[in-house]
Amino acid sequence: LATPKRIPTLAQELALDRAMAARSTCSRCSRRYYYCLPLHTVGSCD
């Protein structure tokens, strides 16, 4: 009853890449880090 996994389109992968880039970029200084920033709690990078 199992089916093959769905493969994301290039547009979906690009949207995910941009979302991850937004999570690792500081909103104040625009620096990009190797990890996700606590933007909801702190609002910026450390």
PDB file of all heavy atoms in Angstrom:
ATOM      1  N   LEU A   1       0.815  -1.217   0.000  1.00  0.00           N
ATOM      2  CA  LEU A   1       0.000   0.000   0.000  1.00  0.00           C
ATOM      3  C   LEU A   1       0.848   1.267   0.000  1.00  0.00           C
ATOM      4  O   LEU A   1       0.318   2.378  -0.114  1.00  0.00           O
ATOM      5  CB  LEU A   1      -0.926   0.018   1.221  1.00  0.00           C
ATOM      6  CG  LEU A   1      -1.982  -1.087   1.283  1.00  0.00           C
ATOM      7  CD1 LEU A   1      -2.780  -0.972   2.559  1.00  0.00           C
ATOM      8  CD2 LEU A   1      -2.895  -1.033   0.070  1.00  0.00           C
ATOM      9  N   ALA A   2       2.160   1.135   0.138  1.00  0.00           N
ATOM     10  CA  ALA A   2       3.051   2.305   0.177  1.00  0.00           C
ATOM     11  C   ALA A   2       3.201   2.895  -1.220  1.00  0.00           C
ATOM     12  O   ALA A   2       3.099   2.200  -2.230  1.00  0.00           O
ATOM     13  CB  ALA A   2       4.413   1.898   0.731  1.00  0.00           C
ATOM     14  N   THR A   3       3.431   4.204  -1.253  1.00  0.00           N
ATOM     15  CA  THR A   3       3.611   4.912  -2.513  1.00  0.00           C
ATOM     16  C   THR A   3       4.982   5.576  -2.523  1.00  0.00           C
ATOM     17  O   THR A   3       5.560   5.827  -1.466  1.00  0.00           O
ATOM     18  CB  THR A   3       2.525   5.986  -2.696  1.00  0.00           C
ATOM     19  OG1 THR A   3       2.577   6.876  -1.575  1.00  0.00           O
ATOM     20  CG2 THR A   3       1.146   5.366  -2.795  1.00  0.00           C
ATOM     21  N   PRO A   4       5.527   5.902  -3.696  1.00  0.00           N
ATOM     22  CA  PRO A   4       6.824   6.601  -3.737  1.00  0.00           C
ATOM     23  C   PRO A   4       6.719   7.980  -3.099  1.00  0.00           C
ATOM     24  O   PRO A   4       5.667   8.620  -3.135  1.00  0.00           O
ATOM     25  CB  PRO A   4       7.134   6.712  -5.228  1.00  0.00           C
ATOM     26  CG  PRO A   4       6.268   5.713  -5.891  1.00  0.00           C
ATOM     27  CD  PRO A   4       5.062   5.532  -5.033  1.00  0.00           C
ATOM     28  N   LYS A   5       7.813   8.423  -2.519  1.00  0.00           N
ATOM     29  CA  LYS A   5       7.843   9.750  -1.916  1.00  0.00           C
ATOM     30  C   LYS A   5       7.670  10.817  -2.986  1.00  0.00           C
ATOM     31  O   LYS A   5       8.134  10.663  -4.108  1.00  0.00           O
ATOM     32  CB  LYS A   5       9.179   9.986  -1.207  1.00  0.00           C
ATOM     33  CG  LYS A   5       9.285   9.346   0.129  1.00  0.00           C
ATOM     34  CD  LYS A   5      10.566   9.796   0.785  1.00  0.00           C
ATOM     35  CE  LYS A   5      10.704   9.215   2.152  1.00  0.00           C
ATOM     36  NZ  LYS A   5      11.958   9.635   2.775  1.00  0.00           N
ATOM     37  N   ARG A   6       7.013  11.906  -2.611  1.00  0.00           N
ATOM     38  CA  ARG A   6       6.866  13.022  -3.530  1.00  0.00           C
ATOM     39  C   ARG A   6       8.167  13.799  -3.586  1.00  0.00           C
ATOM     40  O   ARG A   6       8.829  14.003  -2.578  1.00  0.00           O
ATOM     41  CB  ARG A   6       5.731  13.924  -3.086  1.00  0.00           C
ATOM     42  CG  ARG A   6       4.389  13.237  -3.131  1.00  0.00           C
ATOM     43  CD  ARG A   6       3.278  14.196  -2.832  1.00  0.00           C
ATOM     44  NE  ARG A   6       3.509  14.906  -1.576  1.00  0.00           N
ATOM     45  CZ  ARG A   6       2.785  15.924  -1.156  1.00  0.00           C
ATOM     46  NH1 ARG A   6       1.798  16.374  -1.889  1.00  0.00           N
ATOM     47  NH2 ARG A   6       3.037  16.512  -0.016  1.00  0.00           N
ATOM     48  N   ILE A   7       8.519  14.257  -4.759  1.00  0.00           N
ATOM     49  CA  ILE A   7       9.748  15.011  -4.952  1.00  0.00           C
ATOM     50  C   ILE A   7       9.372  16.486  -5.062  1.00  0.00           C
ATOM     51  O   ILE A   7       8.510  16.850  -5.874  1.00  0.00           O
ATOM     52  CB  ILE A   7      10.494  14.533  -6.214  1.00  0.00           C
ATOM     53  CG1 ILE A   7      10.855  13.064  -6.074  1.00  0.00           C
ATOM     54  CG2 ILE A   7      11.718  15.379  -6.467  1.00  0.00           C
ATOM     55  CD1 ILE A   7      11.389  12.439  -7.327  1.00  0.00           C
ATOM     56  N   PRO A   8      10.002  17.355  -4.246  1.00  0.00           N
ATOM     57  CA  PRO A   8       9.647  18.780  -4.326  1.00  0.00           C
ATOM     58  C   PRO A   8      10.120  19.394  -5.638  1.00  0.00           C
ATOM     59  O   PRO A   8      11.144  19.002  -6.198  1.00  0.00           O
ATOM     60  CB  PRO A   8      10.371  19.395  -3.125  1.00  0.00           C
ATOM     61  CG  PRO A   8      11.469  18.450  -2.816  1.00  0.00           C
ATOM     62  CD  PRO A   8      10.997  17.094  -3.224  1.00  0.00           C
ATOM     63  N   THR A   9       9.372  20.373  -6.107  1.00  0.00           N
ATOM     64  CA  THR A   9       9.752  21.081  -7.327  1.00  0.00           C
ATOM     65  C   THR A   9      10.896  22.051  -7.016  1.00  0.00           C
ATOM     66  O   THR A   9      11.202  22.328  -5.855  1.00  0.00           O
ATOM     67  CB  THR A   9       8.563  21.863  -7.893  1.00  0.00           C
ATOM     68  OG1 THR A   9       8.174  22.855  -6.938  1.00  0.00           O
ATOM     69  CG2 THR A   9       7.391  20.936  -8.189  1.00  0.00           C
ATOM     70  N   LEU A  10      11.504  22.592  -8.052  1.00  0.00           N
ATOM     71  CA  LEU A  10      12.593  23.547  -7.859  1.00  0.00           C
ATOM     72  C   LEU A  10      12.106  24.818  -7.165  1.00  0.00           C
ATOM     73  O   LEU A  10      12.832  25.412  -6.359  1.00  0.00           O
ATOM     74  CB  LEU A  10      13.235  23.885  -9.201  1.00  0.00           C
ATOM     75  CG  LEU A  10      14.015  22.740  -9.848  1.00  0.00           C
ATOM     76  CD1 LEU A  10      14.522  23.175 -11.213  1.00  0.00           C
ATOM     77  CD2 LEU A  10      15.163  22.325  -8.966  1.00  0.00           C
ATOM     78  N   ALA A  11      10.885  25.227  -7.459  1.00  0.00           N
ATOM     79  CA  ALA A  11      10.338  26.420  -6.820  1.00  0.00           C
ATOM     80  C   ALA A  11      10.137  26.184  -5.320  1.00  0.00           C
ATOM     81  O   ALA A  11      10.390  27.078  -4.499  1.00  0.00           O
ATOM     82  CB  ALA A  11       9.013  26.811  -7.470  1.00  0.00           C
ATOM     83  N   GLN A  12       9.691  24.982  -4.935  1.00  0.00           N
ATOM     84  CA  GLN A  12       9.527  24.664  -3.525  1.00  0.00           C
ATOM     85  C   GLN A  12      10.875  24.634  -2.810  1.00  0.00           C
ATOM     86  O   GLN A  12      11.016  25.136  -1.688  1.00  0.00           O
ATOM     87  CB  GLN A  12       8.817  23.327  -3.361  1.00  0.00           C
ATOM     88  CG  GLN A  12       7.355  23.375  -3.742  1.00  0.00           C
ATOM     89  CD  GLN A  12       6.726  21.995  -3.763  1.00  0.00           C
ATOM     90  OE1 GLN A  12       7.399  20.988  -3.959  1.00  0.00           O
ATOM     91  NE2 GLN A  12       5.426  21.956  -3.559  1.00  0.00           N
ATOM     92  N   GLU A  13      11.888  24.052  -3.458  1.00  0.00           N
ATOM     93  CA  GLU A  13      13.217  24.017  -2.851  1.00  0.00           C
ATOM     94  C   GLU A  13      13.791  25.419  -2.705  1.00  0.00           C
ATOM     95  O   GLU A  13      14.421  25.736  -1.693  1.00  0.00           O
ATOM     96  CB  GLU A  13      14.157  23.144  -3.685  1.00  0.00           C
ATOM     97  CG  GLU A  13      13.870  21.676  -3.557  1.00  0.00           C
ATOM     98  CD  GLU A  13      14.874  20.834  -4.313  1.00  0.00           C
ATOM     99  OE1 GLU A  13      15.856  21.388  -4.852  1.00  0.00           O
ATOM    100  OE2 GLU A  13      14.680  19.614  -4.364  1.00  0.00           O
ATOM    101  N   LEU A  14      13.579  26.276  -3.697  1.00  0.00           N
ATOM    102  CA  LEU A  14      14.052  27.652  -3.613  1.00  0.00           C
ATOM    103  C   LEU A  14      13.358  28.395  -2.480  1.00  0.00           C
ATOM    104  O   LEU A  14      13.991  29.158  -1.738  1.00  0.00           O
ATOM    105  CB  LEU A  14      13.823  28.376  -4.942  1.00  0.00           C
ATOM    106  CG  LEU A  14      14.323  29.810  -5.014  1.00  0.00           C
ATOM    107  CD1 LEU A  14      15.840  29.855  -4.853  1.00  0.00           C
ATOM    108  CD2 LEU A  14      13.911  30.453  -6.312  1.00  0.00           C
ATOM    109  N   ALA A  15      12.055  28.161  -2.312  1.00  0.00           N
ATOM    110  CA  ALA A  15      11.320  28.810  -1.224  1.00  0.00           C
ATOM    111  C   ALA A  15      11.840  28.349   0.134  1.00  0.00           C
ATOM    112  O   ALA A  15      11.979  29.158   1.071  1.00  0.00           O
ATOM    113  CB  ALA A  15       9.827  28.513  -1.349  1.00  0.00           C
ATOM    114  N   LEU A  16      12.162  27.068   0.281  1.00  0.00           N
ATOM    115  CA  LEU A  16      12.717  26.572   1.534  1.00  0.00           C
ATOM    116  C   LEU A  16      14.104  27.150   1.797  1.00  0.00           C
ATOM    117  O   LEU A  16      14.442  27.489   2.930  1.00  0.00           O
ATOM    118  CB  LEU A  16      12.773  25.047   1.522  1.00  0.00           C
ATOM    119  CG  LEU A  16      11.435  24.335   1.647  1.00  0.00           C
ATOM    120  CD1 LEU A  16      11.618  22.837   1.455  1.00  0.00           C
ATOM    121  CD2 LEU A  16      10.813  24.620   2.990  1.00  0.00           C
ATOM    122  N   ASP A  17      14.915  27.265   0.748  1.00  0.00           N
ATOM    123  CA  ASP A  17      16.244  27.856   0.909  1.00  0.00           C
ATOM    124  C   ASP A  17      16.162  29.309   1.365  1.00  0.00           C
ATOM    125  O   ASP A  17      16.916  29.753   2.227  1.00  0.00           O
ATOM    126  CB  ASP A  17      17.039  27.766  -0.391  1.00  0.00           C
ATOM    127  CG  ASP A  17      17.465  26.347  -0.712  1.00  0.00           C
ATOM    128  OD1 ASP A  17      17.471  25.502   0.207  1.00  0.00           O
ATOM    129  OD2 ASP A  17      17.792  26.092  -1.889  1.00  0.00           O
ATOM    130  N   ARG A  18      15.218  30.056   0.789  1.00  0.00           N
ATOM    131  CA  ARG A  18      15.059  31.451   1.188  1.00  0.00           C
ATOM    132  C   ARG A  18      14.539  31.568   2.619  1.00  0.00           C
ATOM    133  O   ARG A  18      14.941  32.461   3.366  1.00  0.00           O
ATOM    134  CB  ARG A  18      14.119  32.162   0.229  1.00  0.00           C
ATOM    135  CG  ARG A  18      14.762  32.440  -1.098  1.00  0.00           C
ATOM    136  CD  ARG A  18      13.864  33.246  -1.985  1.00  0.00           C
ATOM    137  NE  ARG A  18      14.536  33.555  -3.235  1.00  0.00           N
ATOM    138  CZ  ARG A  18      13.931  33.958  -4.314  1.00  0.00           C
ATOM    139  NH1 ARG A  18      12.617  34.121  -4.312  1.00  0.00           N
ATOM    140  NH2 ARG A  18      14.602  34.214  -5.413  1.00  0.00           N
ATOM    141  N   ALA A  19      13.645  30.665   3.005  1.00  0.00           N
ATOM    142  CA  ALA A  19      13.132  30.701   4.378  1.00  0.00           C
ATOM    143  C   ALA A  19      14.241  30.397   5.381  1.00  0.00           C
ATOM    144  O   ALA A  19      14.341  31.042   6.429  1.00  0.00           O
ATOM    145  CB  ALA A  19      11.991  29.690   4.532  1.00  0.00           C
ATOM    146  N   MET A  20      15.093  29.431   5.073  1.00  0.00           N
ATOM    147  CA  MET A  20      16.207  29.118   5.972  1.00  0.00           C
ATOM    148  C   MET A  20      17.223  30.258   6.009  1.00  0.00           C
ATOM    149  O   MET A  20      17.824  30.533   7.044  1.00  0.00           O
ATOM    150  CB  MET A  20      16.880  27.813   5.564  1.00  0.00           C
ATOM    151  CG  MET A  20      16.026  26.590   5.817  1.00  0.00           C
ATOM    152  SD  MET A  20      15.455  26.452   7.517  1.00  0.00           S
ATOM    153  CE  MET A  20      16.972  26.187   8.369  1.00  0.00           C
ATOM    154  N   ALA A  21      17.419  30.928   4.869  1.00  0.00           N
ATOM    155  CA  ALA A  21      18.318  32.080   4.852  1.00  0.00           C
ATOM    156  C   ALA A  21      17.766  33.207   5.723  1.00  0.00           C
ATOM    157  O   ALA A  21      18.518  33.892   6.422  1.00  0.00           O
ATOM    158  CB  ALA A  21      18.519  32.567   3.425  1.00  0.00           C
ATOM    159  N   ALA A  22      16.456  33.384   5.727  1.00  0.00           N
ATOM    160  CA  ALA A  22      15.851  34.425   6.553  1.00  0.00           C
ATOM    161  C   ALA A  22      15.987  34.093   8.037  1.00  0.00           C
ATOM    162  O   ALA A  22      16.140  34.995   8.870  1.00  0.00           O
ATOM    163  CB  ALA A  22      14.381  34.588   6.187  1.00  0.00           C
ATOM    164  N   ARG A  23      15.958  32.819   8.388  1.00  0.00           N
ATOM    165  CA  ARG A  23      16.097  32.426   9.791  1.00  0.00           C
ATOM    166  C   ARG A  23      17.512  32.595  10.309  1.00  0.00           C
ATOM    167  O   ARG A  23      17.732  32.691  11.506  1.00  0.00           O
ATOM    168  CB  ARG A  23      15.678  30.967   9.974  1.00  0.00           C
ATOM    169  CG  ARG A  23      14.195  30.753   9.839  1.00  0.00           C
ATOM    170  CD  ARG A  23      13.846  29.327  10.054  1.00  0.00           C
ATOM    171  NE  ARG A  23      14.077  28.951  11.445  1.00  0.00           N
ATOM    172  CZ  ARG A  23      14.012  27.719  11.897  1.00  0.00           C
ATOM    173  NH1 ARG A  23      13.755  26.728  11.074  1.00  0.00           N
ATOM    174  NH2 ARG A  23      14.221  27.445  13.153  1.00  0.00           N
ATOM    175  N   SER A  24      18.499  32.587   9.415  1.00  0.00           N
ATOM    176  CA  SER A  24      19.886  32.701   9.865  1.00  0.00           C
ATOM    177  C   SER A  24      20.473  34.093   9.605  1.00  0.00           C
ATOM    178  O   SER A  24      21.666  34.286   9.783  1.00  0.00           O
ATOM    179  CB  SER A  24      20.741  31.638   9.170  1.00  0.00           C
ATOM    180  OG  SER A  24      20.740  31.824   7.784  1.00  0.00           O
ATOM    181  N   THR A  25      19.667  35.053   9.182  1.00  0.00           N
ATOM    182  CA  THR A  25      20.127  36.415   8.923  1.00  0.00           C
ATOM    183  C   THR A  25      19.568  37.350   9.991  1.00  0.00           C
ATOM    184  O   THR A  25      18.371  37.332  10.274  1.00  0.00           O
ATOM    185  CB  THR A  25      19.672  36.885   7.525  1.00  0.00           C
ATOM    186  OG1 THR A  25      20.132  35.953   6.559  1.00  0.00           O
ATOM    187  CG2 THR A  25      20.225  38.249   7.207  1.00  0.00           C
ATOM    188  N   CYS A  26      20.443  38.161  10.564  1.00  0.00           N
ATOM    189  CA  CYS A  26      20.030  39.108  11.607  1.00  0.00           C
ATOM    190  C   CYS A  26      19.251  40.260  10.968  1.00  0.00           C
ATOM    191  O   CYS A  26      19.628  40.771   9.911  1.00  0.00           O
ATOM    192  CB  CYS A  26      21.254  39.633  12.339  1.00  0.00           C
ATOM    193  SG  CYS A  26      20.851  40.848  13.618  1.00  0.00           S
ATOM    194  N   SER A  27      18.187  40.690  11.626  1.00  0.00           N
ATOM    195  CA  SER A  27      17.358  41.768  11.089  1.00  0.00           C
ATOM    196  C   SER A  27      17.981  43.142  11.334  1.00  0.00           C
ATOM    197  O   SER A  27      17.673  44.092  10.624  1.00  0.00           O
ATOM    198  CB  SER A  27      15.961  41.712  11.703  1.00  0.00           C
ATOM    199  OG  SER A  27      16.061  41.794  13.119  1.00  0.00           O
ATOM    200  N   ARG A  28      18.869  43.272  12.319  1.00  0.00           N
ATOM    201  CA  ARG A  28      19.486  44.566  12.614  1.00  0.00           C
ATOM    202  C   ARG A  28      20.738  44.817  11.788  1.00  0.00           C
ATOM    203  O   ARG A  28      20.879  45.854  11.168  1.00  0.00           O
ATOM    204  CB  ARG A  28      19.851  44.645  14.089  1.00  0.00           C
ATOM    205  CG  ARG A  28      18.675  44.804  14.997  1.00  0.00           C
ATOM    206  CD  ARG A  28      19.149  45.110  16.389  1.00  0.00           C
ATOM    207  NE  ARG A  28      18.073  44.978  17.349  1.00  0.00           N
ATOM    208  CZ  ARG A  28      18.241  44.996  18.646  1.00  0.00           C
ATOM    209  NH1 ARG A  28      19.452  45.123  19.150  1.00  0.00           N
ATOM    210  NH2 ARG A  28      17.219  44.874  19.438  1.00  0.00           N
ATOM    211  N   CYS A  29      21.668  43.839  11.803  1.00  0.00           N
ATOM    212  CA  CYS A  29      22.965  44.082  11.158  1.00  0.00           C
ATOM    213  C   CYS A  29      23.097  43.373   9.805  1.00  0.00           C
ATOM    214  O   CYS A  29      24.106  43.537   9.124  1.00  0.00           O
ATOM    215  CB  CYS A  29      24.099  43.631  12.074  1.00  0.00           C
ATOM    216  SG  CYS A  29      24.093  41.866  12.428  1.00  0.00           S
ATOM    217  N   SER A  30      22.130  42.566   9.417  1.00  0.00           N
ATOM    218  CA  SER A  30      22.097  41.835   8.140  1.00  0.00           C
ATOM    219  C   SER A  30      23.257  40.847   7.978  1.00  0.00           C
ATOM    220  O   SER A  30      23.617  40.498   6.863  1.00  0.00           O
ATOM    221  CB  SER A  30      22.094  42.801   6.954  1.00  0.00           C
ATOM    222  OG  SER A  30      20.960  43.615   7.013  1.00  0.00           O
ATOM    223  N   ARG A  31      23.854  40.415   9.093  1.00  0.00           N
ATOM    224  CA  ARG A  31      24.879  39.379   9.011  1.00  0.00           C
ATOM    225  C   ARG A  31      24.206  38.021   8.987  1.00  0.00           C
ATOM    226  O   ARG A  31      23.165  37.823   9.612  1.00  0.00           O
ATOM    227  CB  ARG A  31      25.823  39.456  10.210  1.00  0.00           C
ATOM    228  CG  ARG A  31      26.782  40.618  10.107  1.00  0.00           C
ATOM    229  CD  ARG A  31      27.711  40.582  11.271  1.00  0.00           C
ATOM    230  NE  ARG A  31      27.043  41.188  12.410  1.00  0.00           N
ATOM    231  CZ  ARG A  31      27.641  41.955  13.323  1.00  0.00           C
ATOM    232  NH1 ARG A  31      28.924  42.169  13.252  1.00  0.00           N
ATOM    233  NH2 ARG A  31      26.974  42.474  14.302  1.00  0.00           N
ATOM    234  N   ARG A  32      24.817  37.086   8.265  1.00  0.00           N
ATOM    235  CA  ARG A  32      24.261  35.740   8.145  1.00  0.00           C
ATOM    236  C   ARG A  32      25.133  34.777   8.935  1.00  0.00           C
ATOM    237  O   ARG A  32      26.355  34.818   8.853  1.00  0.00           O
ATOM    238  CB  ARG A  32      24.228  35.323   6.677  1.00  0.00           C
ATOM    239  CG  ARG A  32      23.515  34.036   6.474  1.00  0.00           C
ATOM    240  CD  ARG A  32      22.714  34.033   5.213  1.00  0.00           C
ATOM    241  NE  ARG A  32      22.162  32.704   5.045  1.00  0.00           N
ATOM    242  CZ  ARG A  32      22.230  32.011   3.960  1.00  0.00           C
ATOM    243  NH1 ARG A  32      22.805  32.518   2.901  1.00  0.00           N
ATOM    244  NH2 ARG A  32      21.708  30.818   3.896  1.00  0.00           N
ATOM    245  N   TYR A  33      24.498  33.902   9.713  1.00  0.00           N
ATOM    246  CA  TYR A  33      25.189  32.987  10.601  1.00  0.00           C
ATOM    247  C   TYR A  33      25.015  31.549  10.128  1.00  0.00           C
ATOM    248  O   TYR A  33      24.195  31.256   9.260  1.00  0.00           O
ATOM    249  CB  TYR A  33      24.662  33.142  12.033  1.00  0.00           C
ATOM    250  CG  TYR A  33      25.057  34.468  12.651  1.00  0.00           C
ATOM    251  CD1 TYR A  33      24.292  35.604  12.421  1.00  0.00           C
ATOM    252  CD2 TYR A  33      26.182  34.575  13.417  1.00  0.00           C
ATOM    253  CE1 TYR A  33      24.655  36.816  12.975  1.00  0.00           C
ATOM    254  CE2 TYR A  33      26.562  35.780  13.982  1.00  0.00           C
ATOM    255  CZ  TYR A  33      25.790  36.894  13.754  1.00  0.00           C
ATOM    256  OH  TYR A  33      26.153  38.089  14.288  1.00  0.00           O
ATOM    257  N   TYR A  34      25.773  30.628  10.733  1.00  0.00           N
ATOM    258  CA  TYR A  34      25.693  29.213  10.403  1.00  0.00           C
ATOM    259  C   TYR A  34      24.581  28.499  11.151  1.00  0.00           C
ATOM    260  O   TYR A  34      24.420  27.302  11.017  1.00  0.00           O
ATOM    261  CB  TYR A  34      27.027  28.520  10.733  1.00  0.00           C
ATOM    262  CG  TYR A  34      28.085  28.725   9.695  1.00  0.00           C
ATOM    263  CD1 TYR A  34      29.167  29.549   9.943  1.00  0.00           C
ATOM    264  CD2 TYR A  34      27.999  28.106   8.464  1.00  0.00           C
ATOM    265  CE1 TYR A  34      30.146  29.743   8.991  1.00  0.00           C
ATOM    266  CE2 TYR A  34      28.960  28.295   7.508  1.00  0.00           C
ATOM    267  CZ  TYR A  34      30.041  29.113   7.773  1.00  0.00           C
ATOM    268  OH  TYR A  34      30.995  29.292   6.822  1.00  0.00           O
ATOM    269  N   TYR A  35      23.850  29.191  11.977  1.00  0.00           N
ATOM    270  CA  TYR A  35      22.790  28.574  12.777  1.00  0.00           C
ATOM    271  C   TYR A  35      21.559  29.465  12.729  1.00  0.00           C
ATOM    272  O   TYR A  35      21.622  30.629  12.337  1.00  0.00           O
ATOM    273  CB  TYR A  35      23.258  28.368  14.222  1.00  0.00           C
ATOM    274  CG  TYR A  35      23.750  29.621  14.892  1.00  0.00           C
ATOM    275  CD1 TYR A  35      22.885  30.449  15.585  1.00  0.00           C
ATOM    276  CD2 TYR A  35      25.086  29.995  14.817  1.00  0.00           C
ATOM    277  CE1 TYR A  35      23.319  31.604  16.184  1.00  0.00           C
ATOM    278  CE2 TYR A  35      25.538  31.150  15.426  1.00  0.00           C
ATOM    279  CZ  TYR A  35      24.654  31.951  16.105  1.00  0.00           C
ATOM    280  OH  TYR A  35      25.091  33.099  16.696  1.00  0.00           O
ATOM    281  N   CYS A  36      20.422  28.935  13.136  1.00  0.00           N
ATOM    282  CA  CYS A  36      19.182  29.715  13.159  1.00  0.00           C
ATOM    283  C   CYS A  36      19.202  30.644  14.361  1.00  0.00           C
ATOM    284  O   CYS A  36      19.567  30.252  15.465  1.00  0.00           O
ATOM    285  CB  CYS A  36      17.973  28.784  13.225  1.00  0.00           C
ATOM    286  SG  CYS A  36      17.738  27.849  11.714  1.00  0.00           S
ATOM    287  N   LEU A  37      18.800  31.871  14.143  1.00  0.00           N
ATOM    288  CA  LEU A  37      18.824  32.886  15.195  1.00  0.00           C
ATOM    289  C   LEU A  37      17.515  32.878  15.976  1.00  0.00           C
ATOM    290  O   LEU A  37      16.459  32.543  15.436  1.00  0.00           O
ATOM    291  CB  LEU A  37      19.034  34.267  14.570  1.00  0.00           C
ATOM    292  CG  LEU A  37      20.342  34.445  13.811  1.00  0.00           C
ATOM    293  CD1 LEU A  37      20.348  35.785  13.104  1.00  0.00           C
ATOM    294  CD2 LEU A  37      21.509  34.342  14.752  1.00  0.00           C
ATOM    295  N   PRO A  38      17.554  33.292  17.245  1.00  0.00           N
ATOM    296  CA  PRO A  38      16.323  33.368  18.044  1.00  0.00           C
ATOM    297  C   PRO A  38      15.558  34.660  17.754  1.00  0.00           C
ATOM    298  O   PRO A  38      15.476  35.562  18.585  1.00  0.00           O
ATOM    299  CB  PRO A  38      16.848  33.325  19.486  1.00  0.00           C
ATOM    300  CG  PRO A  38      18.197  33.937  19.395  1.00  0.00           C
ATOM    301  CD  PRO A  38      18.741  33.534  18.049  1.00  0.00           C
ATOM    302  N   LEU A  39      15.010  34.751  16.562  1.00  0.00           N
ATOM    303  CA  LEU A  39      14.385  36.005  16.129  1.00  0.00           C
ATOM    304  C   LEU A  39      13.055  36.267  16.833  1.00  0.00           C
ATOM    305  O   LEU A  39      12.654  37.414  17.002  1.00  0.00           O
ATOM    306  CB  LEU A  39      14.192  35.994  14.612  1.00  0.00           C
ATOM    307  CG  LEU A  39      15.496  35.918  13.799  1.00  0.00           C
ATOM    308  CD1 LEU A  39      15.188  35.821  12.323  1.00  0.00           C
ATOM    309  CD2 LEU A  39      16.380  37.109  14.083  1.00  0.00           C
ATOM    310  N   HIS A  40      12.346  35.215  17.257  1.00  0.00           N
ATOM    311  CA  HIS A  40      11.060  35.431  17.933  1.00  0.00           C
ATOM    312  C   HIS A  40      11.259  35.880  19.375  1.00  0.00           C
ATOM    313  O   HIS A  40      10.493  36.700  19.878  1.00  0.00           O
ATOM    314  CB  HIS A  40      10.221  34.161  17.912  1.00  0.00           C
ATOM    315  CG  HIS A  40       9.652  33.862  16.563  1.00  0.00           C
ATOM    316  ND1 HIS A  40       8.653  34.612  16.002  1.00  0.00           N
ATOM    317  CD2 HIS A  40       9.955  32.916  15.658  1.00  0.00           C
ATOM    318  CE1 HIS A  40       8.357  34.133  14.806  1.00  0.00           C
ATOM    319  NE2 HIS A  40       9.148  33.099  14.573  1.00  0.00           N
ATOM    320  N   THR A  41      12.280  35.365  20.046  1.00  0.00           N
ATOM    321  CA  THR A  41      12.458  35.705  21.455  1.00  0.00           C
ATOM    322  C   THR A  41      13.353  36.922  21.649  1.00  0.00           C
ATOM    323  O   THR A  41      13.007  37.839  22.384  1.00  0.00           O
ATOM    324  CB  THR A  41      13.057  34.516  22.220  1.00  0.00           C
ATOM    325  OG1 THR A  41      14.273  34.119  21.588  1.00  0.00           O
ATOM    326  CG2 THR A  41      12.083  33.350  22.232  1.00  0.00           C
ATOM    327  N   VAL A  42      14.503  36.953  20.994  1.00  0.00           N
ATOM    328  CA  VAL A  42      15.455  38.051  21.183  1.00  0.00           C
ATOM    329  C   VAL A  42      15.245  39.125  20.130  1.00  0.00           C
ATOM    330  O   VAL A  42      15.338  40.311  20.414  1.00  0.00           O
ATOM    331  CB  VAL A  42      16.907  37.515  21.145  1.00  0.00           C
ATOM    332  CG1 VAL A  42      17.902  38.639  21.320  1.00  0.00           C
ATOM    333  CG2 VAL A  42      17.109  36.455  22.210  1.00  0.00           C
ATOM    334  N   GLY A  43      14.983  38.743  18.897  1.00  0.00           N
ATOM    335  CA  GLY A  43      14.739  39.699  17.829  1.00  0.00           C
ATOM    336  C   GLY A  43      15.942  39.995  16.971  1.00  0.00           C
ATOM    337  O   GLY A  43      15.812  40.642  15.946  1.00  0.00           O
ATOM    338  N   SER A  44      17.120  39.547  17.396  1.00  0.00           N
ATOM    339  CA  SER A  44      18.334  39.794  16.621  1.00  0.00           C
ATOM    340  C   SER A  44      19.380  38.759  17.024  1.00  0.00           C
ATOM    341  O   SER A  44      19.132  37.890  17.848  1.00  0.00           O
ATOM    342  CB  SER A  44      18.854  41.209  16.882  1.00  0.00           C
ATOM    343  OG  SER A  44      19.243  41.332  18.232  1.00  0.00           O
ATOM    344  N   CYS A  45      20.568  38.903  16.433  1.00  0.00           N
ATOM    345  CA  CYS A  45      21.651  37.993  16.790  1.00  0.00           C
ATOM    346  C   CYS A  45      22.195  38.371  18.167  1.00  0.00           C
ATOM    347  O   CYS A  45      21.930  39.456  18.687  1.00  0.00           O
ATOM    348  CB  CYS A  45      22.747  38.023  15.728  1.00  0.00           C
ATOM    349  SG  CYS A  45      23.549  39.628  15.544  1.00  0.00           S
ATOM    350  N   ASP A  46      22.958  37.469  18.751  1.00  0.00           N
ATOM    351  CA  ASP A  46      23.490  37.699  20.087  1.00  0.00           C
ATOM    352  C   ASP A  46      24.450  38.896  20.140  1.00  0.00           C
ATOM    353  O   ASP A  46      24.384  39.685  21.088  1.00  0.00           O
ATOM    354  CB  ASP A  46      24.177  36.430  20.594  1.00  0.00           C
ATOM    355  CG  ASP A  46      24.440  36.486  22.075  1.00  0.00           C
ATOM    356  OD1 ASP A  46      23.545  36.914  22.817  1.00  0.00           O
ATOM    357  OD2 ASP A  46      25.562  36.099  22.489  1.00  0.00           O
TER     358      ASP A  46
END
